[in-house]
C-alpha atoms as a PDB file:
ATOM      1  CA  MET A   1      23.156 -28.549 -10.559  1.00  0.00           C
ATOM      2  CA  PRO A   2      19.731 -28.693  -8.789  1.00  0.00           C
ATOM      3  CA  THR A   3      17.575 -25.608  -8.380  1.00  0.00           C
ATOM      4  CA  ILE A   4      17.253 -24.553  -4.702  1.00  0.00           C
ATOM      5  CA  LEU A   5      14.147 -22.556  -3.747  1.00  0.00           C
ATOM      6  CA  ILE A   6      14.307 -20.400  -0.702  1.00  0.00           C
ATOM      7  CA  ASN A   7      11.239 -19.169   1.170  1.00  0.00           C
ATOM      8  CA  PRO A   8      11.710 -15.422   1.925  1.00  0.00           C
ATOM      9  CA  LEU A   9       9.356 -15.557   4.926  1.00  0.00           C
ATOM     10  CA  ASP A  10      10.516 -16.263   8.432  1.00  0.00           C
ATOM     11  CA  GLU A  11       8.911 -18.936  10.507  1.00  0.00           C
ATOM     12  CA  THR A  12       6.638 -16.588  12.403  1.00  0.00           C
ATOM     13  CA  PRO A  13       3.166 -18.163  12.641  1.00  0.00           C
ATOM     14  CA  ARG A  14       0.575 -15.959  10.878  1.00  0.00           C
ATOM     15  CA  ALA A  15      -3.187 -15.978  11.284  1.00  0.00           C
ATOM     16  CA  GLN A  16      -4.982 -16.363   7.989  1.00  0.00           C
ATOM     17  CA  GLY A  17      -7.188 -13.391   7.279  1.00  0.00           C
ATOM     18  CA  VAL A  18      -9.979 -12.677   4.925  1.00  0.00           C
ATOM     19  CA  ALA A  19      -9.390 -10.330   2.008  1.00  0.00           C
ATOM     20  CA  ALA A  20     -11.441  -7.131   1.963  1.00  0.00           C
ATOM     21  CA  PRO A  21     -14.170  -7.094  -0.629  1.00  0.00           C
ATOM     22  CA  ARG A  22     -13.181  -5.673  -4.060  1.00  0.00           C
ATOM     23  CA  LEU A  23     -14.500  -2.192  -4.790  1.00  0.00           C
ATOM     24  CA  LYS A  24     -16.756  -1.983  -7.822  1.00  0.00           C
ATOM     25  CA  THR A  25     -15.214   1.403  -8.758  1.00  0.00           C
ATOM     26  CA  LEU A  26     -12.620   3.877  -7.494  1.00  0.00           C
ATOM     27  CA  GLU A  27     -14.737   6.904  -8.600  1.00  0.00           C
ATOM     28  CA  GLY A  28     -15.601   9.010  -5.623  1.00  0.00           C
ATOM     29  CA  LYS A  29     -13.489   6.886  -3.196  1.00  0.00           C
ATOM     30  CA  VAL A  30     -10.688   7.889  -0.827  1.00  0.00           C
ATOM     31  CA  VAL A  31      -7.541   6.008  -1.690  1.00  0.00           C
ATOM     32  CA  GLY A  32      -4.568   5.647   0.618  1.00  0.00           C
ATOM     33  CA  LEU A  33      -1.091   5.404  -0.876  1.00  0.00           C
ATOM     34  CA  LEU A  34       1.473   3.786   1.480  1.00  0.00           C
ATOM     35  CA  ASP A  35       5.103   4.590   0.576  1.00  0.00           C
ATOM     36  CA  ILE A  36       7.366   1.853   1.947  1.00  0.00           C
ATOM     37  CA  SER A  37      10.381   4.217   1.937  1.00  0.00           C
ATOM     38  CA  LYS A  38      12.380   2.723  -0.920  1.00  0.00           C
ATOM     39  CA  PRO A  39      14.286   5.109  -3.174  1.00  0.00           C
ATOM     40  CA  GLY A  40      12.071   6.443  -6.039  1.00  0.00           C
ATOM     41  CA  GLY A  41       8.819   5.375  -4.309  1.00  0.00           C
ATOM     42  CA  GLY A  42       7.653   9.003  -4.044  1.00  0.00           C
ATOM     43  CA  VAL A  43       8.115   9.497  -7.770  1.00  0.00           C
ATOM     44  CA  PHE A  44       6.143   6.373  -8.536  1.00  0.00           C
ATOM     45  CA  LEU A  45       3.307   7.355  -6.175  1.00  0.00           C
ATOM     46  CA  ASP A  46       3.213  10.877  -7.597  1.00  0.00           C
ATOM     47  CA  HIS A  47       2.501   9.358 -11.004  1.00  0.00           C
ATOM     48  CA  LEU A  48      -0.023   6.848  -9.597  1.00  0.00           C
ATOM     49  CA  GLU A  49      -1.808   9.630  -7.712  1.00  0.00           C
ATOM     50  CA  ARG A  50      -2.131  11.621 -10.908  1.00  0.00           C
ATOM     51  CA  LEU A  51      -3.593   8.581 -12.740  1.00  0.00           C
ATOM     52  CA  LEU A  52      -5.986   7.867  -9.891  1.00  0.00           C
ATOM     53  CA  ARG A  53      -7.332  11.391 -10.026  1.00  0.00           C
ATOM     54  CA  GLU A  54      -7.445  11.723 -13.857  1.00  0.00           C
ATOM     55  CA  ARG A  55      -8.570   8.310 -14.964  1.00  0.00           C
ATOM     56  CA  TYR A  56     -10.423   6.896 -12.045  1.00  0.00           C
ATOM     57  CA  ARG A  57     -11.771  10.127 -10.538  1.00  0.00           C
ATOM     58  CA  VAL A  58     -11.047   9.266  -6.935  1.00  0.00           C
ATOM     59  CA  ALA A  59     -12.421  11.829  -4.447  1.00  0.00           C
ATOM     60  CA  SER A  60      -9.098  12.187  -2.720  1.00  0.00           C
ATOM     61  CA  VAL A  61      -5.750  10.572  -2.060  1.00  0.00           C
ATOM     62  CA  VAL A  62      -4.205  10.167   1.438  1.00  0.00           C
ATOM     63  CA  ARG A  63      -0.451   9.466   1.656  1.00  0.00           C
ATOM     64  CA  GLU A  64       1.437   7.911   4.457  1.00  0.00           C
ATOM     65  CA  THR A  65       5.022   6.641   4.641  1.00  0.00           C
ATOM     66  CA  LYS A  66       6.514   3.715   6.508  1.00  0.00           C
ATOM     67  CA  PRO A  67       9.734   4.624   8.435  1.00  0.00           C
ATOM     68  CA  THR A  68      11.565   1.722   6.802  1.00  0.00           C
ATOM     69  CA  PHE A  69      10.950  -0.798   4.017  1.00  0.00           C
ATOM     70  CA  THR A  70      12.585  -3.550   6.053  1.00  0.00           C
ATOM     71  CA  LYS A  71       9.731  -3.965   8.496  1.00  0.00           C
ATOM     72  CA  PRO A  72       5.900  -4.035   8.367  1.00  0.00           C
ATOM     73  CA  ALA A  73       4.141  -0.633   8.731  1.00  0.00           C
ATOM     74  CA  PRO A  74       3.835   0.310  12.414  1.00  0.00           C
ATOM     75  CA  ALA A  75       0.362   0.346  13.885  1.00  0.00           C
ATOM     76  CA  GLU A  76       0.345   4.109  14.117  1.00  0.00           C
ATOM     77  CA  VAL A  77       0.926   4.456  10.359  1.00  0.00           C
ATOM     78  CA  LEU A  78      -1.950   2.134   9.696  1.00  0.00           C
ATOM     79  CA  GLU A  79      -4.124   3.907  12.215  1.00  0.00           C
ATOM     80  CA  LYS A  80      -3.579   7.233  10.435  1.00  0.00           C
ATOM     81  CA  LEU A  81      -4.954   5.658   7.220  1.00  0.00           C
ATOM     82  CA  ARG A  82      -7.950   4.256   9.163  1.00  0.00           C
ATOM     83  CA  ARG A  83      -8.689   7.627  10.765  1.00  0.00           C
ATOM     84  CA  ARG A  84      -8.795   9.200   7.280  1.00  0.00           C
ATOM     85  CA  ASN A  85     -11.536   6.701   6.330  1.00  0.00           C
ATOM     86  CA  VAL A  86      -9.786   5.344   3.246  1.00  0.00           C
ATOM     87  CA  ASP A  87     -11.776   3.007   1.039  1.00  0.00           C
ATOM     88  CA  ALA A  88      -8.689   1.268  -0.340  1.00  0.00           C
ATOM     89  CA  VAL A  89      -4.933   1.330   0.287  1.00  0.00           C
ATOM     90  CA  ILE A  90      -2.227   0.777  -2.324  1.00  0.00           C
ATOM     91  CA  GLU A  91       1.206  -0.174  -0.949  1.00  0.00           C
ATOM     92  CA  ALA A  92       3.940   0.642  -3.317  1.00  0.00           C
ATOM     93  CA  LEU A  93       7.643   0.490  -3.748  1.00  0.00           C
ATOM     94  CA  ALA A  94      10.354   1.512  -6.242  1.00  0.00           C
ATOM     95  CA  ASP A  95      14.084   1.396  -6.770  1.00  0.00           C
END
């Protein structure tokens, strides 16, 4: 039986972007944690936040949550992170 590969993306055209430059360190930085609203995500992000503070000495952690994991983050959620002047964002999930 042949293997069938299915592309999980829809056919919406997407503009290619440029990745943000990599930070040299997280020490002293403001890190945003974006919870995508999957069950257990908050527990995972609680642990990640503790590690960021203890091991990487981030200055602060800003947390935002998407209303649903089934769609991209709404512009207002992303804008909240921008207004908080985060240096990096980690988008996380769980289950």
